[in-house]
Amino acid sequence: MTARRSATVMAILLVAAAASLSAVFGCPDSSNARLHVSFADEPLRARAAIVQVNVYRGGCDGSESVYDAEVLRGASDPGPGPLEAGVYGFSARAGDAECVYFAEGCVVRTLPLDTDDVIEIILRASEEEEAYCDYEGGICNDGLCVPETSDADVDSDTEVRPETPSLLSPHNGWSTGSVHATQRIGEHAPLRPTFRWTAVDGADRYQIQVDDGCDASQPETCEWVVVEFPDETSDTHTRPDIDLPVEITAPVGRRYAWRVRACSGSACSDWTAPWYVNVGRLPNDYNGDGYSDVVISAPGYAGAVEKQGAVYVFYGSEEGFDYENRDRLEESTTSEASQFGWSVAPAGDVDADGYADLIVGTRSADHVVLYRGGPNGLGPSTPQPIEGVTGTRFGYWVAGIGDLDADGHADVAIGAPRPAQDGQVFIFRGNEQGLEEPPIAREPQPG
């Protein structure tokens, strides 16, 4: 049986189940077009183990291949790059764990597109199924042709599976830096983060998948069909050789999930639970333009009353801070000297919308306010007040504490130093609407 390994755009990847894939093609004189592959029904999706995407000049029946490469599991590939204007056939097909192609689809599009668009390919059952693995030169390992390691086929069931490694960094919710700092190199390159994990006894290599095909607020929903950065290495760390694709309009950057497994011979461990990282984003970019913003508190500001307090937000730009472009956050209805802005801290991305959020506390009013970032910054947002118990100085200090429960939403801590003179710290979870009440924890507990 002859091995069939034809042109691919991104990669041939092993997955437990597949639903869709996305890839981006640069089109001259137009914005990038996103290619999206999906399945006609659930039985096809459940059967899929690999997805192969081809691009042909002239249409689906075109004889000229735009890009011809062999990409197997553990390899990465940048794709064909920008495509010249013309008619193209975007073709895809899926194979199963038995190394058989069983579903296919193709769509014809003329480039450049008039506007940003999604090129959708729907895979339907093939009229004739076709095997693609050469068992004489390699073995079928859950849908992938891999070289034989001996004269006899390897029976992975007889090999000892390594333990699953533990992920080290970047942690959930970490931001890698500005999209505008692409000239930085090494571990500090914002669009090429370094991924690290623990070593596993007996493992001879590790496989990593980094994918942007997830719900931003639910990183566990990644489908891992064709991932942006697959790699295989004997080290316990790796980083992409090229920049990961990101958005360049607000909110800039992109959220990626990543996971790792350890392998020995043809046997591999389970994948780790995914972590996620915000690539090309800053933790204090409240308007999502890729530049850091500065927050200055003025708890003694005299507004409607003496010492009402206020917080000023100055937005960064290519030229630095625009002092004319600023927001003043204050509580205009406050009837007491609450000293709003006594405590202030970046909250992280509480609502998982790609914009950083801000939490502001008071000295004596026993409440805090969450401001959610957006394309126009913090000023236009509708603040969310969080009330504490009177007399406890709830909100005397505040802090963003990252994503404690790895649900895709940043969490915050709020201090109240005066309950029974022992003090308490309240932990609030983030969600799509802001901060979830009541708090999920408070320490120490009143006794």
Protein backbone atom coordinates (compact mmCIF):
# COMPACT_ATOMS: atom_id res chain seq x y z
CA MET A 1 0.00 0.00 0.00
CA THR A 2 1.54 3.34 -1.01
CA ALA A 3 1.74 6.11 1.55
CA ARG A 4 -0.24 9.20 0.61
CA ARG A 5 1.07 12.35 2.20
CA SER A 6 0.01 15.31 0.11
CA ALA A 7 0.05 19.09 0.52
CA THR A 8 -1.08 20.53 3.82
CA VAL A 9 -1.58 24.11 4.87
CA MET A 10 -1.05 23.93 8.59
CA ALA A 11 -0.36 20.42 9.95
CA ILE A 12 -1.58 16.85 10.23
CA LEU A 13 -2.40 16.38 13.87
CA LEU A 14 -3.60 13.61 16.16
CA VAL A 15 -6.79 14.43 18.07
CA ALA A 16 -9.21 12.45 20.16
CA ALA A 17 -12.19 14.10 18.48
CA ALA A 18 -12.46 16.87 15.92
CA ALA A 19 -15.04 19.49 15.07
CA SER A 20 -13.39 22.35 13.20
CA LEU A 21 -10.12 24.00 12.32
CA SER A 22 -9.05 27.50 11.49
CA ALA A 23 -6.16 28.88 9.46
CA VAL A 24 -5.33 32.35 8.20
CA PHE A 25 -4.25 33.18 4.65
CA GLY A 26 -2.72 36.55 3.75
CA CYS A 27 -4.35 37.99 0.64
CA PRO A 28 -2.63 40.90 -1.20
CA ASP A 29 -4.64 44.12 -1.29
CA SER A 30 -7.09 42.77 1.28
CA SER A 31 -7.32 41.80 4.91
CA ASN A 32 -6.58 38.28 6.05
CA ALA A 33 -9.19 35.63 5.26
CA ARG A 34 -9.88 32.92 7.82
CA LEU A 35 -10.41 29.37 6.65
CA HIS A 36 -12.80 27.33 8.77
CA VAL A 37 -13.40 23.61 8.37
CA SER A 38 -16.34 21.85 10.00
CA PHE A 39 -18.20 18.56 9.72
CA ALA A 40 -21.67 17.99 8.29
CA ASP A 41 -22.84 15.95 11.27
CA GLU A 42 -21.78 14.68 14.68
CA PRO A 43 -20.93 11.08 13.61
CA LEU A 44 -18.36 12.43 11.15
CA ARG A 45 -16.92 14.77 13.74
CA ALA A 46 -16.62 11.98 16.30
CA ARG A 47 -14.78 9.76 13.83
CA ALA A 48 -12.15 12.29 12.79
CA ALA A 49 -8.53 11.84 13.87
CA ILE A 50 -6.73 14.06 11.35
CA VAL A 51 -7.64 16.89 9.01
CA GLN A 52 -5.74 17.72 5.82
CA VAL A 53 -6.19 21.03 3.97
CA ASN A 54 -5.06 21.70 0.39
CA VAL A 55 -5.03 24.86 -1.72
CA TYR A 56 -5.11 24.62 -5.53
CA ARG A 57 -4.82 27.43 -8.04
CA GLY A 58 -7.73 27.51 -10.47
CA GLY A 59 -10.35 25.89 -8.25
CA CYS A 60 -11.12 22.54 -6.70
CA ASP A 61 -10.09 20.72 -9.90
CA GLY A 62 -6.98 22.82 -10.36
CA SER A 63 -3.85 20.89 -11.21
CA GLU A 64 -1.41 23.44 -9.76
CA SER A 65 -0.74 23.03 -6.07
CA VAL A 66 -0.05 26.34 -4.35
CA TYR A 67 1.85 24.65 -1.58
CA ASP A 68 3.34 21.18 -1.42
CA ALA A 69 4.75 19.95 1.86
CA GLU A 70 4.73 16.91 4.12
CA VAL A 71 3.81 17.73 7.70
CA LEU A 72 3.44 14.97 10.27
CA ARG A 73 2.66 14.92 13.95
CA GLY A 74 5.12 16.88 16.02
CA ALA A 75 6.07 19.21 13.15
CA SER A 76 5.02 22.78 12.51
CA ASP A 77 4.53 24.63 9.26
CA PRO A 78 3.87 28.30 8.44
CA GLY A 79 1.56 27.53 5.48
CA PRO A 80 1.71 28.98 1.98
CA GLY A 81 1.94 32.62 3.01
CA PRO A 82 0.23 35.42 1.02
CA LEU A 83 -1.67 34.23 -2.05
CA GLU A 84 -1.72 36.17 -5.28
CA ALA A 85 -5.01 37.40 -6.68
CA GLY A 86 -6.93 34.70 -8.53
CA VAL A 87 -9.28 31.75 -8.21
CA TYR A 88 -8.41 29.06 -5.68
CA GLY A 89 -9.87 25.80 -4.52
CA PHE A 90 -9.78 25.34 -0.73
CA SER A 91 -10.05 21.60 -0.20
CA ALA A 92 -10.03 19.55 2.99
CA ARG A 93 -10.52 15.96 4.03
CA ALA A 94 -10.54 14.04 7.28
CA GLY A 95 -9.03 10.70 8.21
CA ASP A 96 -9.77 8.37 11.09
CA ALA A 97 -7.65 6.42 13.57
CA GLU A 98 -7.46 3.52 11.09
CA CYS A 99 -5.61 5.74 8.61
CA VAL A 100 -8.56 6.01 6.21
CA TYR A 101 -9.84 9.21 4.63
CA PHE A 102 -13.61 9.21 5.03
CA ALA A 103 -14.88 12.81 4.61
CA GLU A 104 -14.08 15.62 2.20
CA GLY A 105 -15.17 19.01 0.98
CA CYS A 106 -14.02 21.86 -1.26
CA VAL A 107 -15.00 25.46 -1.90
CA VAL A 108 -13.91 27.88 -4.65
CA ARG A 109 -13.08 31.49 -3.78
CA THR A 110 -11.64 34.41 -5.73
CA LEU A 111 -8.88 36.38 -4.00
CA PRO A 112 -8.51 39.07 -2.88
CA LEU A 113 -11.76 39.19 -0.93
CA ASP A 114 -13.65 42.45 -0.81
CA THR A 115 -13.69 42.42 2.99
CA ASP A 116 -12.58 40.24 5.88
CA ASP A 117 -14.38 36.97 5.44
CA VAL A 118 -14.53 33.38 6.56
CA ILE A 119 -13.98 30.72 3.94
CA GLU A 120 -16.11 27.84 5.17
CA ILE A 121 -15.44 24.23 4.14
CA ILE A 122 -17.99 21.64 5.22
CA LEU A 123 -16.78 18.03 5.17
CA ARG A 124 -19.27 15.35 4.10
CA ALA A 125 -18.86 11.59 3.83
CA SER A 126 -16.69 10.53 0.88
CA GLU A 127 -18.23 8.32 -1.80
CA GLU A 128 -15.17 6.09 -1.57
CA GLU A 129 -12.98 5.77 1.50
CA GLU A 130 -9.25 5.73 0.87
CA ALA A 131 -6.42 4.40 3.05
CA TYR A 132 -3.36 6.59 3.26
CA CYS A 133 -0.80 4.86 5.49
CA ASP A 134 2.05 2.70 4.17
CA TYR A 135 2.33 -0.17 6.63
CA GLU A 136 5.53 -1.37 4.98
CA GLY A 137 7.39 1.85 5.70
CA GLY A 138 5.60 2.90 8.84
CA ILE A 139 2.75 2.10 11.21
CA CYS A 140 -0.64 3.67 11.78
CA ASN A 141 -0.68 5.31 15.19
CA ASP A 142 -4.16 6.69 15.79
CA GLY A 143 -4.43 8.22 12.36
CA LEU A 144 -0.78 9.16 11.85
CA CYS A 145 1.85 7.41 9.76
CA VAL A 146 4.96 7.11 11.91
CA PRO A 147 8.25 5.36 11.12
CA GLU A 148 8.81 1.90 12.47
CA THR A 149 11.27 1.71 15.34
CA SER A 150 12.24 -1.91 14.62
CA ASP A 151 11.82 -4.64 12.01
CA ALA A 152 8.50 -5.58 13.55
CA ASP A 153 5.47 -3.38 14.06
CA VAL A 154 5.35 -1.77 17.46
CA ASP A 155 2.43 -2.77 19.62
CA SER A 156 1.85 0.32 21.73
CA ASP A 157 -0.41 -1.63 24.08
CA THR A 158 2.64 -3.63 25.32
CA GLU A 159 4.72 -0.52 26.05
CA VAL A 160 4.68 1.29 29.35
CA ARG A 161 3.02 4.68 29.05
CA PRO A 162 4.94 7.52 30.71
CA GLU A 163 3.38 9.61 33.43
CA THR A 164 1.67 12.81 32.37
CA PRO A 165 3.94 15.85 32.84
CA SER A 166 2.94 18.96 34.78
CA LEU A 167 2.79 22.37 33.12
CA LEU A 168 5.04 25.08 34.56
CA SER A 169 4.66 28.27 32.53
CA PRO A 170 3.14 30.43 31.24
CA HIS A 171 0.41 30.20 33.87
CA ASN A 172 -3.27 30.67 33.16
CA GLY A 173 -4.00 34.26 32.21
CA TRP A 174 -0.40 35.37 31.75
CA SER A 175 0.12 38.12 29.19
CA THR A 176 3.20 37.95 26.97
CA GLY A 177 3.62 41.63 26.05
CA SER A 178 2.66 44.13 23.40
CA VAL A 179 2.02 43.25 19.76
CA HIS A 180 4.06 46.36 18.96
CA ALA A 181 7.24 44.91 20.50
CA THR A 182 7.81 42.24 17.86
CA GLN A 183 11.46 43.28 17.50
CA ARG A 184 12.22 41.69 20.86
CA ILE A 185 13.84 38.26 20.65
CA GLY A 186 14.28 35.12 22.72
CA GLU A 187 12.03 34.48 25.69
CA HIS A 188 10.91 38.11 25.63
CA ALA A 189 9.42 37.97 22.14
CA PRO A 190 5.72 38.70 22.82
CA LEU A 191 4.37 36.55 19.99
CA ARG A 192 6.71 33.59 20.59
CA PRO A 193 6.23 32.57 24.23
CA THR A 194 8.39 29.88 25.78
CA PHE A 195 6.39 26.92 27.10
CA ARG A 196 7.81 24.87 30.01
CA TRP A 197 6.80 21.64 31.75
CA THR A 198 8.25 19.06 34.13
CA ALA A 199 10.46 16.14 33.09
CA VAL A 200 9.01 12.62 33.18
CA ASP A 201 11.09 9.53 33.97
CA GLY A 202 11.40 7.24 30.97
CA ALA A 203 10.13 9.77 28.43
CA ASP A 204 12.27 10.19 25.31
CA ARG A 205 10.29 13.12 23.89
CA TYR A 206 7.40 15.46 24.55
CA GLN A 207 4.62 16.67 22.28
CA ILE A 208 2.98 20.07 22.67
CA GLN A 209 -0.10 21.58 21.07
CA VAL A 210 -0.87 25.32 21.15
CA ASP A 211 -4.33 26.20 19.82
CA ASP A 212 -6.46 29.33 19.43
CA GLY A 213 -9.63 27.45 18.49
CA CYS A 214 -11.25 27.74 21.91
CA ASP A 215 -13.95 29.73 23.62
CA ALA A 216 -11.97 32.46 25.40
CA SER A 217 -13.91 31.92 28.61
CA GLN A 218 -13.71 28.12 28.40
CA PRO A 219 -10.16 27.00 27.52
CA GLU A 220 -11.14 23.37 28.04
CA THR A 221 -13.35 23.57 24.91
CA CYS A 222 -10.39 23.45 22.50
CA GLU A 223 -10.91 20.86 19.77
CA TRP A 224 -7.22 20.43 18.82
CA VAL A 225 -7.96 19.57 15.18
CA VAL A 226 -5.26 21.57 13.43
CA VAL A 227 -3.34 23.53 16.01
CA GLU A 228 -1.31 26.68 15.41
CA PHE A 229 1.91 25.36 16.95
CA PRO A 230 2.52 21.63 17.25
CA ASP A 231 6.00 20.52 18.24
CA GLU A 232 7.91 17.45 19.40
CA THR A 233 11.08 17.85 21.44
CA SER A 234 13.34 15.99 23.84
CA ASP A 235 13.61 19.13 25.98
CA THR A 236 11.16 20.25 28.64
CA HIS A 237 10.62 23.59 26.96
CA THR A 238 9.99 24.95 23.48
CA ARG A 239 8.97 28.13 21.69
CA PRO A 240 7.63 28.80 18.17
CA ASP A 241 10.09 29.66 15.42
CA ILE A 242 7.63 32.17 13.95
CA ASP A 243 5.19 34.64 15.50
CA LEU A 244 1.85 33.19 16.54
CA PRO A 245 -1.01 34.87 14.62
CA VAL A 246 -2.77 37.60 16.61
CA GLU A 247 -5.30 40.36 16.08
CA ILE A 248 -3.87 43.80 15.36
CA THR A 249 -7.08 45.73 16.06
CA ALA A 250 -8.65 46.12 19.49
CA PRO A 251 -8.55 43.96 21.42
CA VAL A 252 -5.10 43.18 20.06
CA GLY A 253 -3.44 39.83 20.63
CA ARG A 254 -5.12 36.47 20.98
CA ARG A 255 -5.76 33.86 23.65
CA TYR A 256 -4.10 30.48 23.14
CA ALA A 257 -4.53 27.23 25.05
CA TRP A 258 -1.68 24.73 25.33
CA ARG A 259 -1.14 21.19 26.53
CA VAL A 260 1.69 18.64 26.64
CA ARG A 261 2.14 14.88 26.83
CA ALA A 262 5.17 12.64 27.33
CA CYS A 263 6.08 9.78 24.98
CA SER A 264 8.34 6.76 25.06
CA GLY A 265 8.63 4.76 21.85
CA SER A 266 5.14 4.72 20.37
CA ALA A 267 3.41 4.98 23.77
CA CYS A 268 2.35 8.39 25.05
CA SER A 269 0.82 9.67 28.27
CA ASP A 270 -2.52 11.42 28.56
CA TRP A 271 -2.51 15.07 27.60
CA THR A 272 -2.28 17.55 30.44
CA ALA A 273 -5.34 19.64 31.23
CA PRO A 274 -4.95 22.79 29.08
CA TRP A 275 -3.60 26.08 30.34
CA TYR A 276 -4.04 29.34 28.46
CA VAL A 277 -1.93 32.40 27.74
CA ASN A 278 -2.84 35.84 26.36
CA VAL A 279 -0.36 36.31 23.50
CA GLY A 280 0.43 39.89 22.47
CA ARG A 281 -1.59 41.42 25.29
CA LEU A 282 -0.70 43.58 28.30
CA PRO A 283 -2.24 43.26 31.78
CA ASN A 284 -2.88 47.01 31.99
CA ASP A 285 -4.13 47.74 28.46
CA TYR A 286 -7.66 48.94 29.17
CA ASN A 287 -8.55 50.00 25.62
CA GLY A 288 -6.94 47.01 23.88
CA ASP A 289 -4.65 48.95 21.53
CA GLY A 290 -1.44 47.17 22.54
CA TYR A 291 -0.01 50.03 24.61
CA SER A 292 0.23 50.12 28.41
CA ASP A 293 -2.06 52.54 30.21
CA VAL A 294 -1.37 54.30 33.51
CA VAL A 295 -3.77 54.67 36.44
CA ILE A 296 -3.20 57.36 39.07
CA SER A 297 -5.37 57.51 42.16
CA ALA A 298 -6.27 60.72 43.99
CA PRO A 299 -8.18 59.68 47.12
CA GLY A 300 -8.09 63.26 48.45
CA TYR A 301 -9.78 64.71 45.38
CA ALA A 302 -12.62 67.11 46.28
CA GLY A 303 -15.60 66.33 44.07
CA ALA A 304 -19.19 66.59 45.27
CA VAL A 305 -17.81 66.39 48.82
CA GLU A 306 -14.41 66.85 50.42
CA LYS A 307 -12.12 63.83 49.98
CA GLN A 308 -14.58 62.15 47.66
CA GLY A 309 -11.66 60.74 45.70
CA ALA A 310 -11.05 60.03 42.03
CA VAL A 311 -8.95 57.88 39.71
CA TYR A 312 -7.30 59.14 36.52
CA VAL A 313 -6.58 56.85 33.55
CA PHE A 314 -3.98 57.94 30.96
CA TYR A 315 -3.89 55.91 27.75
CA GLY A 316 -0.63 54.96 26.07
CA SER A 317 0.17 55.39 22.40
CA GLU A 318 3.09 55.12 19.99
CA GLU A 319 4.21 58.60 21.08
CA GLY A 320 3.80 57.91 24.79
CA PHE A 321 0.99 59.06 27.04
CA ASP A 322 -1.64 61.34 25.60
CA TYR A 323 -2.41 63.66 28.50
CA GLU A 324 -5.45 65.04 26.72
CA ASN A 325 -6.87 61.54 26.21
CA ARG A 326 -7.70 60.56 29.76
CA ASP A 327 -10.62 59.40 31.86
CA ARG A 328 -11.51 60.56 35.36
CA LEU A 329 -13.34 57.91 37.33
CA GLU A 330 -15.30 59.14 40.33
CA GLU A 331 -18.46 58.43 42.27
CA SER A 332 -20.57 61.52 41.68
CA THR A 333 -23.37 60.38 43.99
CA THR A 334 -21.14 59.81 47.02
CA SER A 335 -22.45 61.73 50.03
CA GLU A 336 -19.47 61.13 52.30
CA ALA A 337 -15.69 61.39 52.20
CA SER A 338 -15.15 57.82 51.03
CA GLN A 339 -11.69 58.55 49.55
CA PHE A 340 -12.47 56.62 46.39
CA GLY A 341 -9.19 55.41 44.89
CA TRP A 342 -7.59 54.65 48.27
CA SER A 343 -6.71 51.28 46.71
CA VAL A 344 -6.48 50.46 43.01
CA ALA A 345 -5.19 47.47 41.04
CA PRO A 346 -5.33 45.87 37.59
CA ALA A 347 -7.93 43.12 37.87
CA GLY A 348 -6.82 41.11 34.83
CA ASP A 349 -9.37 40.12 32.20
CA VAL A 350 -12.31 39.40 34.49
CA ASP A 351 -14.91 39.00 31.73
CA ALA A 352 -12.60 37.29 29.17
CA ASP A 353 -13.34 39.83 26.42
CA GLY A 354 -9.68 40.61 25.62
CA TYR A 355 -9.58 43.92 27.51
CA ALA A 356 -7.94 44.46 30.90
CA ASP A 357 -10.21 45.49 33.78
CA LEU A 358 -9.60 47.70 36.84
CA ILE A 359 -10.71 47.40 40.45
CA VAL A 360 -10.90 50.45 42.74
CA GLY A 361 -11.44 50.49 46.51
CA THR A 362 -12.34 53.09 49.12
CA ARG A 363 -10.92 53.94 52.54
CA SER A 364 -14.11 54.16 54.53
CA ALA A 365 -17.21 53.55 52.38
CA ASP A 366 -17.05 49.72 52.59
CA HIS A 367 -17.35 49.05 48.88
CA VAL A 368 -15.26 48.64 45.72
CA VAL A 369 -15.99 49.27 42.05
CA LEU A 370 -15.03 47.17 39.03
CA TYR A 371 -14.44 48.98 35.74
CA ARG A 372 -14.39 46.79 32.64
CA GLY A 373 -12.12 47.73 29.76
CA GLY A 374 -13.35 48.18 26.21
CA PRO A 375 -12.39 49.76 22.85
CA ASN A 376 -12.89 53.23 24.32
CA GLY A 377 -11.19 52.51 27.64
CA LEU A 378 -12.63 52.52 31.15
CA GLY A 379 -14.58 55.77 31.16
CA PRO A 380 -17.57 54.63 29.06
CA SER A 381 -17.93 51.34 30.96
CA THR A 382 -20.74 50.80 33.43
CA PRO A 383 -19.06 50.27 36.81
CA GLN A 384 -20.03 47.33 38.97
CA PRO A 385 -20.17 48.15 42.70
CA ILE A 386 -19.41 45.41 45.24
CA GLU A 387 -20.74 46.19 48.70
CA GLY A 388 -19.22 45.04 51.99
CA VAL A 389 -20.36 45.10 55.60
CA THR A 390 -20.58 48.59 57.10
CA GLY A 391 -17.73 49.47 59.40
CA THR A 392 -15.31 46.78 58.15
CA ARG A 393 -13.40 49.04 55.73
CA PHE A 394 -14.19 46.60 52.95
CA GLY A 395 -12.10 47.71 49.97
CA TYR A 396 -9.24 49.18 52.03
CA TRP A 397 -7.02 47.17 49.69
CA VAL A 398 -7.71 45.30 46.46
CA ALA A 399 -5.68 43.01 44.21
CA GLY A 400 -5.91 41.08 40.98
CA ILE A 401 -4.88 37.50 41.81
CA GLY A 402 -4.99 35.76 38.44
CA ASP A 403 -7.29 32.93 37.43
CA LEU A 404 -7.41 30.72 40.52
CA ASP A 405 -9.87 28.17 39.14
CA ALA A 406 -8.61 28.17 35.51
CA ASP A 407 -12.06 28.95 34.10
CA GLY A 408 -10.82 31.65 31.71
CA HIS A 409 -11.83 34.56 33.97
CA ALA A 410 -9.47 36.51 36.23
CA ASP A 411 -10.35 36.63 39.93
CA VAL A 412 -9.81 39.38 42.53
CA ALA A 413 -9.21 39.69 46.27
CA ILE A 414 -10.70 42.43 48.46
CA GLY A 415 -9.49 43.19 51.96
CA ALA A 416 -11.55 44.30 54.96
CA PRO A 417 -9.14 44.91 57.87
CA ARG A 418 -11.61 45.62 60.69
CA PRO A 419 -13.97 42.63 61.29
CA ALA A 420 -13.32 41.69 64.95
CA GLN A 421 -9.98 43.51 64.45
CA ASP A 422 -8.62 40.33 62.79
CA GLY A 423 -9.43 41.34 59.24
CA GLN A 424 -10.74 39.31 56.33
CA VAL A 425 -9.88 38.77 52.68
CA PHE A 426 -12.69 38.03 50.24
CA ILE A 427 -12.12 36.17 46.95
CA PHE A 428 -14.46 36.99 44.05
CA ARG A 429 -14.62 34.97 40.83
CA GLY A 430 -14.81 36.63 37.45
CA ASN A 431 -17.46 35.83 34.84
CA GLU A 432 -18.89 37.28 31.61
CA GLN A 433 -20.77 39.99 33.53
CA GLY A 434 -17.94 41.01 35.87
CA LEU A 435 -17.46 39.78 39.44
CA GLU A 436 -19.66 37.00 40.75
CA GLU A 437 -21.37 37.45 44.10
CA PRO A 438 -21.27 36.24 46.82
CA PRO A 439 -17.51 35.69 47.24
CA ILE A 440 -16.26 32.13 47.00
CA ALA A 441 -14.00 32.42 50.05
CA ARG A 442 -13.09 34.63 52.95
CA GLU A 443 -10.07 34.29 55.23
CA PRO A 444 -9.82 34.13 58.14
CA GLN A 445 -13.28 32.83 58.99
CA PRO A 446 -14.98 34.61 61.92
CA GLY A 447 -14.85 32.39 64.95
